[in-house]
């Protein structure tokens, strides 16, 4: 590396928003040490690939990205390549054996030792950092998304032990991040121009359960963040049904800065399937939660898994009927993926892949029609819209009822020049299956 200039560093962040937060924290540490962050990997002397290892397709995407970045040792300026994140946490030894191109590996609880890994690699070593145990650390962040919107991680790990999920094998037991640290980060982000804060974790509704008084503290946290000067919208994602209490729903519904929006991944509705998944809470409890959400006027988002081992045609039909009755505003679905080390991977009666895909198609076609009907009901509504940008079709944005990245957008009809990050009033004039069109007022 050229000693007369600041070393250049690039980051490839894969997987979920929680991984993105880790990537942005690493970039903040690198910036603070004098590294120049570049977007073009051909110009990077150091590249980090922050990997996902959740399901098979994500693992393959991570492996492909590592090999793609390694090519820059031949075609670009790359001198050191590092692999971090979930795939590194699960398979560090195998990756180290199979990928001599990589100069160091770091798991998900070691980012506070990033400088140590860099120093060792520069000294000619090939460091592998796993399970140092410091999951939360305070560093500046380099936002890689829009400057007005940021995700904030409030906990790490998971105690739910769903039989299909590898997250506890990767990230360990549930640990809540200190309350004051979260509020301080949100205050810092707001001072830098962030107006929308999205609180995330593997299980947000359980936040605070491991503190001294052992009660769920997400309502208090949301209120504290909403009171920060400059924060315009607060939303929360990834709540778990059995810990979604009425007082949480009340905070979401009654706090004017909190999005009236609940992301409640349910995975299924059939009781034997829920039991096989090791999901807490019965079908009746889930339906009662949905009724409480609808009573409060909340936008509801969920995810479902089709083709779980042993799922019969009748159980899948039960799921379809439930979706018809519940009429979720947003619904994502996945085919079951057997993950190494999980209980479900060795269960009998695995479902053929073509059956999984057929069921997924049926479910998503049903949801498409529901989504269309629900969005058409919003025609004539006047709402506040966060302007996000402009494409070949014109300006677009989101209302408080659309989460960043995962939901549809609102196309804006206007002759005016708008400012990304600004909030404007608009009247919805048309809808399609997932997006809306609105006239700027």
Protein backbone atom coordinates (compact mmCIF):
# COMPACT_ATOMS: atom_id res chain seq x y z
CA UNK A 1 0.00 0.00 0.00
CA UNK A 2 1.09 3.53 -0.71
CA UNK A 3 2.34 4.95 2.56
CA UNK A 4 1.89 8.55 1.31
CA UNK A 5 -1.90 8.31 1.07
CA UNK A 6 -4.65 7.02 3.27
CA UNK A 7 -5.35 3.33 2.58
CA UNK A 8 -8.57 2.82 0.66
CA UNK A 9 -11.18 0.37 1.94
CA UNK A 10 -14.37 -1.08 0.49
CA UNK A 11 -17.23 -2.94 2.11
CA UNK A 12 -19.66 -5.50 0.68
CA UNK A 13 -22.57 -5.93 3.10
CA UNK A 14 -24.87 -8.90 2.51
CA UNK A 15 -28.02 -10.17 4.19
CA UNK A 16 -30.31 -8.36 6.59
CA UNK A 17 -30.49 -4.83 7.96
CA UNK A 18 -28.91 -6.06 11.20
CA UNK A 19 -25.83 -7.05 9.22
CA UNK A 20 -25.88 -3.65 7.53
CA UNK A 21 -25.66 -1.95 10.93
CA UNK A 22 -22.57 -4.04 11.74
CA UNK A 23 -21.04 -3.04 8.40
CA UNK A 24 -21.72 0.63 9.04
CA UNK A 25 -20.14 0.40 12.49
CA UNK A 26 -17.04 -1.19 10.98
CA UNK A 27 -16.85 1.56 8.38
CA UNK A 28 -17.07 4.12 11.17
CA UNK A 29 -14.13 2.51 12.95
CA UNK A 30 -12.13 2.43 9.72
CA UNK A 31 -12.91 6.07 8.95
CA UNK A 32 -11.86 7.07 12.46
CA UNK A 33 -8.50 5.39 11.92
CA UNK A 34 -7.88 7.33 8.74
CA UNK A 35 -8.94 4.88 6.04
CA UNK A 36 -10.54 6.33 2.93
CA UNK A 37 -13.83 4.59 2.15
CA UNK A 38 -14.45 3.95 -1.54
CA UNK A 39 -17.49 2.57 -3.37
CA UNK A 40 -15.57 1.14 -6.32
CA UNK A 41 -13.94 -2.16 -5.28
CA UNK A 42 -11.38 -1.75 -8.07
CA UNK A 43 -9.99 1.20 -6.11
CA UNK A 44 -9.92 -0.53 -2.72
CA UNK A 45 -6.67 -1.73 -1.19
CA UNK A 46 -8.63 -3.50 1.57
CA UNK A 47 -12.06 -5.11 1.14
CA UNK A 48 -14.39 -6.51 3.79
CA UNK A 49 -17.16 -8.91 2.81
CA UNK A 50 -19.68 -8.95 5.65
CA UNK A 51 -21.50 -12.20 4.98
CA UNK A 52 -24.91 -13.76 5.61
CA UNK A 53 -25.27 -17.44 6.52
CA UNK A 54 -28.99 -17.67 7.26
CA UNK A 55 -30.19 -19.96 4.45
CA UNK A 56 -28.51 -21.85 1.61
CA UNK A 57 -29.10 -19.18 -1.03
CA UNK A 58 -27.60 -16.52 1.25
CA UNK A 59 -24.53 -18.68 1.90
CA UNK A 60 -23.99 -19.12 -1.83
CA UNK A 61 -24.37 -15.40 -2.44
CA UNK A 62 -21.73 -14.74 0.23
CA UNK A 63 -19.30 -17.27 -1.24
CA UNK A 64 -19.79 -15.82 -4.72
CA UNK A 65 -19.12 -12.32 -3.40
CA UNK A 66 -15.90 -13.42 -1.67
CA UNK A 67 -14.52 -14.95 -4.86
CA UNK A 68 -15.64 -11.94 -6.90
CA UNK A 69 -13.82 -9.55 -4.57
CA UNK A 70 -10.71 -11.77 -4.52
CA UNK A 71 -10.35 -11.17 -8.27
CA UNK A 72 -9.40 -7.57 -7.50
CA UNK A 73 -6.07 -8.86 -6.20
CA UNK A 74 -5.37 -9.54 -9.88
CA UNK A 75 -7.31 -6.76 -11.60
CA UNK A 76 -7.45 -3.95 -9.05
CA UNK A 77 -5.47 -2.50 -6.15
CA UNK A 78 -6.57 -5.06 -3.56
CA UNK A 79 -3.92 -6.16 -1.05
CA UNK A 80 -5.99 -7.57 1.82
CA UNK A 81 -9.38 -9.31 1.78
CA UNK A 82 -11.33 -9.97 5.00
CA UNK A 83 -14.47 -12.03 5.58
CA UNK A 84 -16.71 -11.12 8.52
CA UNK A 85 -20.24 -11.82 9.71
CA UNK A 86 -22.52 -14.84 9.94
CA UNK A 87 -20.88 -17.14 7.38
CA UNK A 88 -17.48 -16.50 8.96
CA UNK A 89 -18.93 -17.20 12.40
CA UNK A 90 -20.32 -20.58 11.34
CA UNK A 91 -17.66 -21.84 8.97
CA UNK A 92 -14.39 -20.01 9.69
CA UNK A 93 -12.19 -23.10 9.69
CA UNK A 94 -13.67 -24.49 6.47
CA UNK A 95 -13.47 -21.11 4.76
CA UNK A 96 -9.88 -20.62 5.86
CA UNK A 97 -8.99 -24.01 4.42
CA UNK A 98 -10.84 -23.51 1.13
CA UNK A 99 -10.10 -19.80 0.52
CA UNK A 100 -6.39 -18.98 0.66
CA UNK A 101 -7.27 -15.67 -1.03
CA UNK A 102 -8.77 -14.40 2.25
CA UNK A 103 -6.39 -12.70 4.68
CA UNK A 104 -8.51 -12.81 7.84
CA UNK A 105 -11.83 -13.87 9.34
CA UNK A 106 -13.99 -12.29 12.03
CA UNK A 107 -17.20 -13.49 13.66
CA UNK A 108 -20.23 -11.50 14.75
CA UNK A 109 -19.12 -10.74 18.32
CA UNK A 110 -15.64 -9.46 17.53
CA UNK A 111 -16.02 -6.17 15.67
CA UNK A 112 -14.56 -4.19 18.58
CA UNK A 113 -11.24 -5.92 17.73
CA UNK A 114 -11.26 -4.81 14.11
CA UNK A 115 -8.04 -2.79 14.50
CA UNK A 116 -6.26 -5.83 15.99
CA UNK A 117 -7.23 -7.96 12.98
CA UNK A 118 -5.97 -5.31 10.58
CA UNK A 119 -2.68 -4.90 12.44
CA UNK A 120 -2.06 -8.65 12.51
CA UNK A 121 -2.83 -9.02 8.82
CA UNK A 122 -0.53 -6.14 7.91
CA UNK A 123 2.21 -7.87 9.92
CA UNK A 124 1.82 -10.94 7.72
CA UNK A 125 -0.38 -13.06 9.95
CA UNK A 126 -3.74 -14.58 8.99
CA UNK A 127 -5.99 -13.79 11.96
CA UNK A 128 -9.20 -15.62 12.80
CA UNK A 129 -11.29 -13.87 15.49
CA UNK A 130 -14.25 -15.81 16.86
CA UNK A 131 -16.39 -15.22 19.94
CA UNK A 132 -14.51 -12.53 21.79
CA UNK A 133 -17.93 -11.78 23.24
CA UNK A 134 -18.14 -7.97 23.02
CA UNK A 135 -21.37 -7.74 21.05
CA UNK A 136 -22.14 -4.06 21.59
CA UNK A 137 -19.62 -1.28 21.29
CA UNK A 138 -19.96 2.44 20.72
CA UNK A 139 -18.46 3.74 17.51
CA UNK A 140 -19.38 6.26 14.90
CA UNK A 141 -21.24 4.93 11.88
CA UNK A 142 -20.92 5.56 8.18
CA UNK A 143 -24.46 5.42 6.82
CA UNK A 144 -24.48 3.63 3.50
CA UNK A 145 -28.20 4.15 2.88
CA UNK A 146 -30.16 7.40 2.65
CA UNK A 147 -28.78 10.05 5.05
CA UNK A 148 -32.23 10.72 6.54
CA UNK A 149 -33.07 7.10 7.54
CA UNK A 150 -31.15 4.66 9.72
CA UNK A 151 -31.57 1.26 11.31
CA UNK A 152 -30.59 0.96 14.98
CA UNK A 153 -29.92 -2.47 16.48
CA UNK A 154 -31.35 -2.89 19.99
CA UNK A 155 -30.32 -6.47 20.81
CA UNK A 156 -28.45 -9.42 19.38
CA UNK A 157 -28.96 -13.16 19.39
CA UNK A 158 -32.14 -15.11 20.03
CA UNK A 159 -33.57 -17.45 22.66
CA UNK A 160 -36.58 -18.62 20.64
CA UNK A 161 -34.88 -21.75 19.24
CA UNK A 162 -37.23 -22.20 16.30
CA UNK A 163 -36.39 -25.60 14.85
CA UNK A 164 -35.78 -24.24 11.33
CA UNK A 165 -33.55 -21.31 12.30
CA UNK A 166 -29.76 -21.18 12.50
CA UNK A 167 -29.56 -17.70 14.07
CA UNK A 168 -28.97 -18.93 17.67
CA UNK A 169 -26.19 -21.19 16.33
CA UNK A 170 -24.58 -18.13 14.77
CA UNK A 171 -25.34 -15.22 17.09
CA UNK A 172 -25.94 -17.00 20.39
CA UNK A 173 -28.38 -16.24 23.17
CA UNK A 174 -30.47 -13.10 23.37
CA UNK A 175 -28.75 -10.01 24.77
CA UNK A 176 -30.35 -6.58 25.05
CA UNK A 177 -28.20 -3.59 24.22
CA UNK A 178 -27.97 -1.04 27.05
CA UNK A 179 -30.90 1.40 26.96
CA UNK A 180 -28.79 4.56 27.26
CA UNK A 181 -26.42 3.42 24.49
CA UNK A 182 -29.33 3.06 22.08
CA UNK A 183 -30.78 6.46 22.94
CA UNK A 184 -27.34 8.07 22.65
CA UNK A 185 -26.82 6.59 19.20
CA UNK A 186 -30.25 7.76 18.08
CA UNK A 187 -29.52 11.24 19.41
CA UNK A 188 -26.22 11.29 17.51
CA UNK A 189 -27.90 10.12 14.31
CA UNK A 190 -30.58 12.79 14.66
CA UNK A 191 -27.92 15.45 15.09
CA UNK A 192 -26.42 14.28 11.78
CA UNK A 193 -29.72 14.67 9.91
CA UNK A 194 -31.44 11.30 10.38
CA UNK A 195 -35.19 11.83 10.79
CA UNK A 196 -36.47 8.24 10.49
CA UNK A 197 -35.18 5.61 12.92
CA UNK A 198 -36.07 1.93 12.57
CA UNK A 199 -35.39 -0.24 15.62
CA UNK A 200 -34.35 -3.78 14.70
CA UNK A 201 -33.20 -7.05 16.28
CA UNK A 202 -33.87 -10.75 15.86
CA UNK A 203 -36.71 -10.29 18.37
CA UNK A 204 -37.46 -6.66 19.20
CA UNK A 205 -40.51 -7.20 21.40
CA UNK A 206 -38.38 -9.10 23.95
CA UNK A 207 -36.11 -6.07 24.46
CA UNK A 208 -35.14 -5.59 28.12
CA UNK A 209 -36.18 -9.08 29.29
CA UNK A 210 -32.61 -9.76 30.44
CA UNK A 211 -32.26 -6.56 32.49
CA UNK A 212 -32.71 -6.51 36.26
CA UNK A 213 -36.49 -6.23 36.44
CA UNK A 214 -36.87 -8.66 33.51
CA UNK A 215 -39.83 -7.02 31.79
CA UNK A 216 -40.21 -6.04 28.17
CA UNK A 217 -39.03 -2.45 27.67
CA UNK A 218 -39.65 -1.81 23.99
CA UNK A 219 -42.51 0.66 24.68
CA UNK A 220 -40.26 2.75 26.95
CA UNK A 221 -37.44 2.64 24.41
CA UNK A 222 -39.69 3.73 21.54
CA UNK A 223 -41.00 6.62 23.63
CA UNK A 224 -37.49 7.76 24.56
CA UNK A 225 -36.35 7.69 20.92
CA UNK A 226 -39.47 9.54 19.76
CA UNK A 227 -38.71 12.37 22.20
CA UNK A 228 -35.32 13.11 20.61
CA UNK A 229 -35.23 16.44 18.83
CA UNK A 230 -35.09 15.95 15.07
CA UNK A 231 -36.62 12.47 15.06
CA UNK A 232 -39.76 12.56 12.90
CA UNK A 233 -40.67 8.87 12.56
CA UNK A 234 -39.83 5.84 14.71
CA UNK A 235 -40.73 2.32 13.64
CA UNK A 236 -39.98 -1.14 14.93
CA UNK A 237 -39.54 -4.41 13.01
CA UNK A 238 -39.44 -8.12 13.89
CA UNK A 239 -41.74 -8.49 16.91
CA UNK A 240 -42.50 -11.98 18.21
CA UNK A 241 -46.18 -12.85 18.77
CA UNK A 242 -46.07 -14.08 22.37
CA UNK A 243 -44.16 -11.02 23.63
CA UNK A 244 -46.25 -8.46 21.75
CA UNK A 245 -48.17 -7.08 24.71
CA UNK A 246 -51.14 -4.73 24.63
CA UNK A 247 -49.07 -1.92 26.12
CA UNK A 248 -46.65 -2.22 23.18
CA UNK A 249 -49.57 -2.03 20.76
CA UNK A 250 -50.89 1.00 22.66
CA UNK A 251 -47.54 2.80 22.39
CA UNK A 252 -47.40 2.08 18.66
CA UNK A 253 -50.99 3.23 18.14
CA UNK A 254 -50.97 6.33 20.36
CA UNK A 255 -47.50 7.86 19.95
CA UNK A 256 -47.80 10.27 16.98
CA UNK A 257 -44.13 9.81 16.03
CA UNK A 258 -44.27 6.01 16.06
CA UNK A 259 -45.34 4.31 12.84
CA UNK A 260 -48.74 2.62 13.31
CA UNK A 261 -47.16 -0.49 11.87
CA UNK A 262 -46.42 -3.90 13.29
CA UNK A 263 -44.08 -6.45 11.71
CA UNK A 264 -45.12 -9.76 13.24
CA UNK A 265 -43.40 -12.75 11.56
CA UNK A 266 -45.84 -15.63 12.17
CA UNK A 267 -44.42 -18.40 9.91
CA UNK A 268 -47.62 -20.50 10.03
CA UNK A 269 -51.05 -20.81 11.67
CA UNK A 270 -51.59 -24.57 12.02
CA UNK A 271 -51.01 -25.60 15.67
CA UNK A 272 -49.14 -28.89 14.98
CA UNK A 273 -46.85 -27.09 12.53
CA UNK A 274 -46.26 -24.25 15.01
CA UNK A 275 -45.38 -26.86 17.64
CA UNK A 276 -42.99 -28.64 15.26
CA UNK A 277 -41.41 -25.25 14.54
CA UNK A 278 -41.10 -24.68 18.32
CA UNK A 279 -43.01 -21.42 17.97
CA UNK A 280 -44.55 -20.15 21.20
CA UNK A 281 -48.19 -19.15 21.09
CA UNK A 282 -51.15 -20.95 19.59
CA UNK A 283 -53.23 -20.15 16.53
CA UNK A 284 -55.89 -18.66 18.83
CA UNK A 285 -53.32 -16.40 20.48
CA UNK A 286 -52.02 -15.25 17.10
CA UNK A 287 -55.55 -14.45 15.94
CA UNK A 288 -56.19 -12.49 19.13
CA UNK A 289 -53.05 -10.40 18.51
CA UNK A 290 -54.18 -9.64 14.97
CA UNK A 291 -57.61 -8.59 16.25
CA UNK A 292 -55.96 -6.22 18.77
CA UNK A 293 -53.78 -4.74 16.02
CA UNK A 294 -56.75 -4.16 13.73
CA UNK A 295 -58.74 -2.61 16.59
CA UNK A 296 -55.95 -0.04 16.89
CA UNK A 297 -55.73 0.59 13.14
CA UNK A 298 -52.20 -0.75 12.70
CA UNK A 299 -50.70 -1.70 9.34
CA UNK A 300 -49.72 -5.38 9.63
CA UNK A 301 -46.78 -7.12 8.02
CA UNK A 302 -45.90 -10.80 8.41
CA UNK A 303 -43.83 -13.61 6.89
CA UNK A 304 -44.78 -17.23 6.32
CA UNK A 305 -42.85 -20.44 5.64
CA UNK A 306 -44.37 -23.00 3.25
CA UNK A 307 -43.24 -26.59 2.86
CA UNK A 308 -42.08 -27.13 6.44
CA UNK A 309 -41.38 -30.84 7.07
CA UNK A 310 -44.64 -32.74 7.37
CA UNK A 311 -46.87 -29.89 6.15
CA UNK A 312 -49.91 -31.58 4.61
CA UNK A 313 -52.17 -30.25 1.90
CA UNK A 314 -54.84 -29.66 4.54
CA UNK A 315 -52.43 -27.70 6.76
CA UNK A 316 -51.38 -25.56 3.83
CA UNK A 317 -55.04 -24.92 2.99
CA UNK A 318 -55.52 -23.82 6.59
CA UNK A 319 -52.71 -21.32 6.09
CA UNK A 320 -54.32 -20.00 2.89
CA UNK A 321 -57.68 -19.58 4.63
CA UNK A 322 -56.01 -17.77 7.51
CA UNK A 323 -54.33 -15.33 5.13
CA UNK A 324 -57.67 -14.74 3.38
CA UNK A 325 -59.32 -13.97 6.73
CA UNK A 326 -56.50 -11.93 8.29
CA UNK A 327 -55.93 -9.74 5.20
CA UNK A 328 -52.38 -8.65 6.00
CA UNK A 329 -51.31 -5.34 4.50
CA UNK A 330 -47.92 -6.87 3.68
CA UNK A 331 -46.88 -10.50 3.53
CA UNK A 332 -43.61 -12.10 2.56
CA UNK A 333 -43.16 -15.86 2.22
CA UNK A 334 -40.34 -18.35 1.84
CA UNK A 335 -40.01 -21.99 0.99
CA UNK A 336 -38.59 -23.99 3.89
CA UNK A 337 -34.81 -24.39 3.65
CA UNK A 338 -33.16 -27.19 5.70
CA UNK A 339 -30.23 -25.66 7.57
CA UNK A 340 -27.31 -27.64 8.90
CA UNK A 341 -27.43 -28.05 12.67
CA UNK A 342 -31.14 -27.29 13.06
CA UNK A 343 -33.68 -29.81 14.35
CA UNK A 344 -36.00 -29.38 11.38
CA UNK A 345 -33.26 -30.37 8.94
CA UNK A 346 -33.39 -33.97 10.18
CA UNK A 347 -37.14 -34.23 10.63
CA UNK A 348 -38.99 -36.90 8.63
CA UNK A 349 -41.41 -36.10 5.82
CA UNK A 350 -39.36 -33.42 4.09
CA UNK A 351 -41.40 -31.77 1.33
CA UNK A 352 -40.40 -31.98 -2.33
CA UNK A 353 -39.00 -28.74 -3.69
CA UNK A 354 -41.54 -28.52 -6.50
CA UNK A 355 -44.39 -28.80 -3.98
CA UNK A 356 -42.83 -26.00 -1.89
CA UNK A 357 -42.60 -23.74 -4.95
CA UNK A 358 -46.18 -24.48 -6.00
CA UNK A 359 -47.42 -23.62 -2.49
CA UNK A 360 -45.35 -20.44 -2.43
CA UNK A 361 -46.84 -19.34 -5.76
CA UNK A 362 -50.39 -20.00 -4.50
CA UNK A 363 -49.80 -18.02 -1.32
CA UNK A 364 -48.20 -15.05 -3.05
CA UNK A 365 -50.92 -14.89 -5.73
CA UNK A 366 -53.50 -14.77 -2.95
CA UNK A 367 -51.60 -12.04 -1.12
CA UNK A 368 -51.22 -10.02 -4.32
CA UNK A 369 -54.99 -9.79 -4.70
CA UNK A 370 -55.41 -8.88 -1.01
CA UNK A 371 -52.72 -6.22 -1.25
CA UNK A 372 -54.40 -4.71 -4.32
CA UNK A 373 -57.77 -4.52 -2.57
CA UNK A 374 -56.32 -2.94 0.58
CA UNK A 375 -54.27 -0.36 -1.34
CA UNK A 376 -57.30 0.59 -3.45
CA UNK A 377 -59.09 1.43 -0.20
CA UNK A 378 -56.48 4.14 0.41
CA UNK A 379 -57.41 6.07 -2.74
CA UNK A 380 -58.49 9.55 -1.67
CA UNK A 381 -56.41 9.44 1.52
CA UNK A 382 -54.18 12.42 2.27
CA UNK A 383 -50.92 11.45 3.95
CA UNK A 384 -47.48 12.71 4.81
CA UNK A 385 -44.82 11.30 2.47
CA UNK A 386 -41.07 11.07 3.00
CA UNK A 387 -39.50 11.92 -0.36
CA UNK A 388 -36.85 9.31 -1.20
CA UNK A 389 -35.67 10.10 -4.70
CA UNK A 390 -36.36 10.23 -8.40
CA UNK A 391 -36.22 7.58 -11.15
CA UNK A 392 -37.29 7.40 -14.79
CA UNK A 393 -40.94 7.50 -13.69
CA UNK A 394 -40.52 10.58 -11.51
CA UNK A 395 -40.36 11.27 -7.79
CA UNK A 396 -41.24 8.61 -5.21
CA UNK A 397 -41.40 8.20 -1.45
CA UNK A 398 -43.09 6.41 1.45
CA UNK A 399 -45.75 7.21 4.02
CA UNK A 400 -45.39 6.24 7.66
CA UNK A 401 -47.19 2.99 6.76
CA UNK A 402 -44.39 1.76 4.44
CA UNK A 403 -41.18 0.42 5.96
CA UNK A 404 -37.89 1.15 4.16
CA UNK A 405 -36.77 -1.39 1.55
CA UNK A 406 -39.30 -4.11 2.38
CA UNK A 407 -42.56 -2.40 1.35
CA UNK A 408 -43.84 -0.69 -1.78
CA UNK A 409 -43.50 2.99 -2.58
CA UNK A 410 -45.68 5.98 -3.41
CA UNK A 411 -45.12 7.47 -6.87
CA UNK A 412 -45.50 11.24 -6.66
CA UNK A 413 -47.21 13.33 -9.35
CA UNK A 414 -45.85 16.87 -9.32
CA UNK A 415 -44.23 19.54 -11.46
CA UNK A 416 -42.23 20.73 -8.48
CA UNK A 417 -38.62 19.92 -7.71
CA UNK A 418 -38.64 17.91 -4.48
CA UNK A 419 -35.89 17.38 -1.93
CA UNK A 420 -34.98 13.81 -0.87
CA UNK A 421 -35.41 13.52 2.88
CA UNK A 422 -38.17 16.14 3.03
CA UNK A 423 -41.73 15.46 4.18
CA UNK A 424 -44.60 16.59 1.97
CA UNK A 425 -48.38 16.21 1.88
CA UNK A 426 -49.92 14.15 -0.93
CA UNK A 427 -53.30 12.70 -1.89
CA UNK A 428 -53.43 9.09 -3.10
CA UNK A 429 -55.08 8.85 -6.53
CA UNK A 430 -54.43 5.26 -7.69
CA UNK A 431 -53.06 1.88 -6.63
CA UNK A 432 -51.61 -1.29 -8.08
CA UNK A 433 -50.73 -4.56 -6.35
CA UNK A 434 -47.90 -3.14 -4.25
CA UNK A 435 -47.43 0.58 -4.97
CA UNK A 436 -49.49 3.74 -4.78
CA UNK A 437 -49.61 6.96 -6.83
CA UNK A 438 -50.29 10.29 -5.17
CA UNK A 439 -50.60 13.95 -6.18
CA UNK A 440 -48.37 16.31 -4.25
CA UNK A 441 -50.44 19.00 -2.50
